[in-house]
N, C-alpha and C. Protein backbone atom coordinates (compact mmCIF):
# COMPACT_ATOMS: atom_id res chain seq x y z
N MET A 1 -15.86 11.76 -18.85
CA MET A 1 -17.02 11.14 -18.65
C MET A 1 -15.86 10.33 -18.91
N GLN A 2 -16.11 9.41 -16.85
CA GLN A 2 -14.61 7.85 -16.58
C GLN A 2 -15.72 7.25 -16.69
N TRP A 3 -15.16 6.27 -17.80
CA TRP A 3 -15.84 4.59 -17.03
C TRP A 3 -15.34 4.56 -16.27
N LEU A 4 -16.85 3.93 -15.16
CA LEU A 4 -15.95 2.82 -13.84
C LEU A 4 -16.90 1.95 -14.89
N LEU A 5 -16.91 0.97 -15.28
CA LEU A 5 -17.07 -0.52 -15.10
C LEU A 5 -16.07 -1.18 -15.53
N ARG A 6 -15.42 -2.06 -15.37
CA ARG A 6 -14.35 -2.42 -15.48
C ARG A 6 -15.08 -4.75 -16.24
N LYS A 7 -14.27 -4.94 -17.01
CA LYS A 7 -14.39 -6.20 -17.86
C LYS A 7 -13.01 -6.81 -17.13
N CYS A 8 -13.11 -7.93 -16.79
CA CYS A 8 -11.34 -9.19 -16.68
C CYS A 8 -11.99 -10.07 -17.88
N ARG A 9 -9.98 -9.71 -17.80
CA ARG A 9 -9.81 -10.24 -19.22
C ARG A 9 -10.00 -12.51 -19.32
N ARG A 10 -9.48 -12.32 -18.33
CA ARG A 10 -9.17 -13.45 -17.80
C ARG A 10 -10.86 -14.40 -17.61
N CYS A 11 -11.52 -13.74 -17.25
CA CYS A 11 -12.34 -14.44 -16.24
C CYS A 11 -14.05 -14.48 -16.78
N GLY A 12 -13.71 -12.75 -17.39
CA GLY A 12 -14.59 -11.95 -18.57
C GLY A 12 -15.70 -11.56 -17.22
N ARG A 13 -16.12 -11.74 -15.67
CA ARG A 13 -16.90 -10.95 -15.42
C ARG A 13 -17.10 -8.83 -15.21
N TYR A 14 -17.63 -7.98 -14.33
CA TYR A 14 -17.59 -7.79 -14.25
C TYR A 14 -17.67 -6.96 -12.82
N THR A 15 -16.17 -5.74 -12.79
CA THR A 15 -16.31 -5.07 -11.73
C THR A 15 -15.48 -3.35 -11.36
N LEU A 16 -16.11 -3.45 -10.09
CA LEU A 16 -15.81 -1.56 -9.78
C LEU A 16 -14.67 -1.19 -9.72
N ARG A 17 -13.54 -2.68 -9.27
CA ARG A 17 -11.86 -2.50 -9.57
C ARG A 17 -11.24 -2.07 -10.46
N ARG A 18 -10.02 -1.11 -10.39
CA ARG A 18 -9.48 -0.53 -11.86
C ARG A 18 -8.02 -1.83 -12.32
N ASP A 19 -7.55 -2.24 -10.19
CA ASP A 19 -6.03 -3.14 -10.24
C ASP A 19 -6.67 -4.59 -10.46
N ALA A 20 -7.23 -4.85 -10.57
CA ALA A 20 -7.32 -6.55 -10.94
C ALA A 20 -8.35 -7.21 -10.49
N CYS A 21 -9.16 -7.82 -10.86
CA CYS A 21 -10.68 -8.37 -11.17
C CYS A 21 -10.19 -9.61 -9.32
N PRO A 22 -11.20 -9.06 -8.76
CA PRO A 22 -11.60 -9.53 -7.02
C PRO A 22 -11.06 -11.16 -7.24
N VAL A 23 -11.97 -12.10 -8.41
CA VAL A 23 -11.84 -12.59 -8.63
C VAL A 23 -10.67 -14.25 -8.68
N CYS A 24 -10.04 -13.60 -9.50
CA CYS A 24 -9.37 -14.27 -10.46
C CYS A 24 -7.86 -13.51 -11.01
N GLY A 25 -7.52 -12.16 -9.88
CA GLY A 25 -7.17 -11.49 -10.39
C GLY A 25 -6.51 -11.16 -11.78
N GLY A 26 -6.99 -11.12 -12.56
CA GLY A 26 -6.92 -11.21 -13.97
C GLY A 26 -6.36 -9.53 -14.14
N PRO A 27 -5.79 -9.02 -15.32
CA PRO A 27 -6.16 -8.08 -15.57
C PRO A 27 -7.21 -7.53 -15.62
N VAL A 28 -7.25 -5.85 -15.36
CA VAL A 28 -9.52 -5.97 -15.86
C VAL A 28 -8.95 -4.96 -17.21
N ALA A 29 -10.54 -4.39 -18.04
CA ALA A 29 -9.92 -3.16 -19.37
C ALA A 29 -11.26 -2.02 -19.04
N VAL A 30 -11.80 -0.86 -19.98
CA VAL A 30 -12.92 -0.73 -20.29
C VAL A 30 -13.69 -1.95 -21.23
N PRO A 31 -14.78 -1.66 -20.81
CA PRO A 31 -15.37 -2.82 -21.96
C PRO A 31 -16.02 -2.02 -22.61
N HIS A 32 -15.53 -0.87 -22.88
CA HIS A 32 -17.19 -0.17 -23.35
C HIS A 32 -15.88 0.34 -25.56
N PRO A 33 -16.33 0.41 -26.06
CA PRO A 33 -15.55 0.62 -27.88
C PRO A 33 -15.84 2.35 -27.35
N PRO A 34 -14.66 2.73 -28.62
CA PRO A 34 -13.96 3.86 -28.06
C PRO A 34 -15.55 4.59 -29.28
N ARG A 35 -15.41 5.94 -28.64
CA ARG A 35 -16.77 7.05 -29.30
C ARG A 35 -16.53 6.94 -30.32
N PHE A 36 -16.80 7.09 -31.70
CA PHE A 36 -16.89 7.07 -32.92
C PHE A 36 -17.09 8.55 -33.45
N SER A 37 -16.52 9.00 -33.97
CA SER A 37 -17.29 10.46 -35.02
C SER A 37 -16.93 10.60 -36.59
N PRO A 38 -17.18 10.51 -37.17
CA PRO A 38 -16.84 10.80 -38.84
C PRO A 38 -15.98 11.61 -38.74
N ASP A 39 -15.58 12.69 -37.85
CA ASP A 39 -14.29 13.61 -38.30
C ASP A 39 -13.04 12.96 -38.50
N ASN A 40 -13.39 11.52 -37.57
CA ASN A 40 -11.39 10.94 -36.74
C ASN A 40 -11.14 10.89 -37.64
N ARG A 41 -9.35 11.76 -37.90
CA ARG A 41 -8.60 11.73 -38.45
C ARG A 41 -7.82 9.67 -38.47
N PHE A 42 -7.63 8.95 -37.42
CA PHE A 42 -7.55 8.29 -37.47
C PHE A 42 -8.12 6.79 -37.51
N ILE A 43 -8.91 7.07 -37.81
CA ILE A 43 -9.77 5.83 -38.52
C ILE A 43 -9.15 5.04 -39.47
N LYS A 44 -8.49 6.25 -40.50
CA LYS A 44 -8.22 5.55 -41.40
C LYS A 44 -6.94 3.50 -40.78
N TYR A 45 -5.99 4.39 -39.39
CA TYR A 45 -5.27 3.70 -39.57
C TYR A 45 -5.86 2.36 -38.35
N ARG A 46 -6.88 3.04 -37.82
CA ARG A 46 -7.29 1.40 -36.65
C ARG A 46 -8.71 0.64 -37.86
N TYR A 47 -8.40 1.35 -38.95
CA TYR A 47 -9.30 0.32 -40.10
C TYR A 47 -8.14 -0.50 -40.06
N GLU A 48 -6.64 -0.44 -41.07
CA GLU A 48 -6.50 -0.69 -41.51
C GLU A 48 -5.01 -2.64 -40.43
N LEU A 49 -5.30 -1.65 -38.61
CA LEU A 49 -5.08 -2.01 -38.05
C LEU A 49 -6.33 -3.33 -37.69
N GLN A 50 -6.99 -2.90 -38.28
CA GLN A 50 -8.10 -4.33 -37.88
C GLN A 50 -7.93 -5.10 -38.59
N LYS A 51 -7.77 -4.63 -40.10
CA LYS A 51 -7.69 -5.95 -41.21
C LYS A 51 -6.83 -6.61 -41.45
N LYS A 52 -5.59 -6.44 -40.57
CA LYS A 52 -4.07 -7.04 -40.34
C LYS A 52 -4.33 -8.17 -39.44
N LEU A 53 -4.94 -7.20 -38.47
CA LEU A 53 -5.64 -9.12 -37.13
C LEU A 53 -6.66 -9.70 -37.62
N GLY A 54 -6.84 -9.59 -38.50
CA GLY A 54 -7.97 -10.30 -39.29
C GLY A 54 -9.72 -10.30 -38.46
N LEU A 55 -9.39 -8.88 -37.55
CA LEU A 55 -10.57 -8.56 -37.37
C LEU A 55 -12.22 -8.11 -38.19
N ILE A 56 -10.92 -7.59 -39.55
CA ILE A 56 -12.46 -6.86 -40.98
C ILE A 56 -12.19 -8.44 -42.19
N PRO A 57 -12.90 -8.60 -42.36
CA PRO A 57 -12.66 -9.25 -43.54
C PRO A 57 -12.38 -8.95 -44.88
N PRO A 58 -11.12 -9.17 -45.37
CA PRO A 58 -10.74 -8.33 -46.22
C PRO A 58 -11.34 -7.63 -47.60
């Protein structure tokens, strides 16, 4: 399934364009989180990265 909705990283508005925000010209990204699976073998690395970046308390 393809995600159609994009969110501007600069102004926070939502758009369907894939290249840039039509309002401010900023970069756009997919606002949806990645799918979760308990069998994911990379969850350990994602957790360590989030901990290193300070997104998760130690």
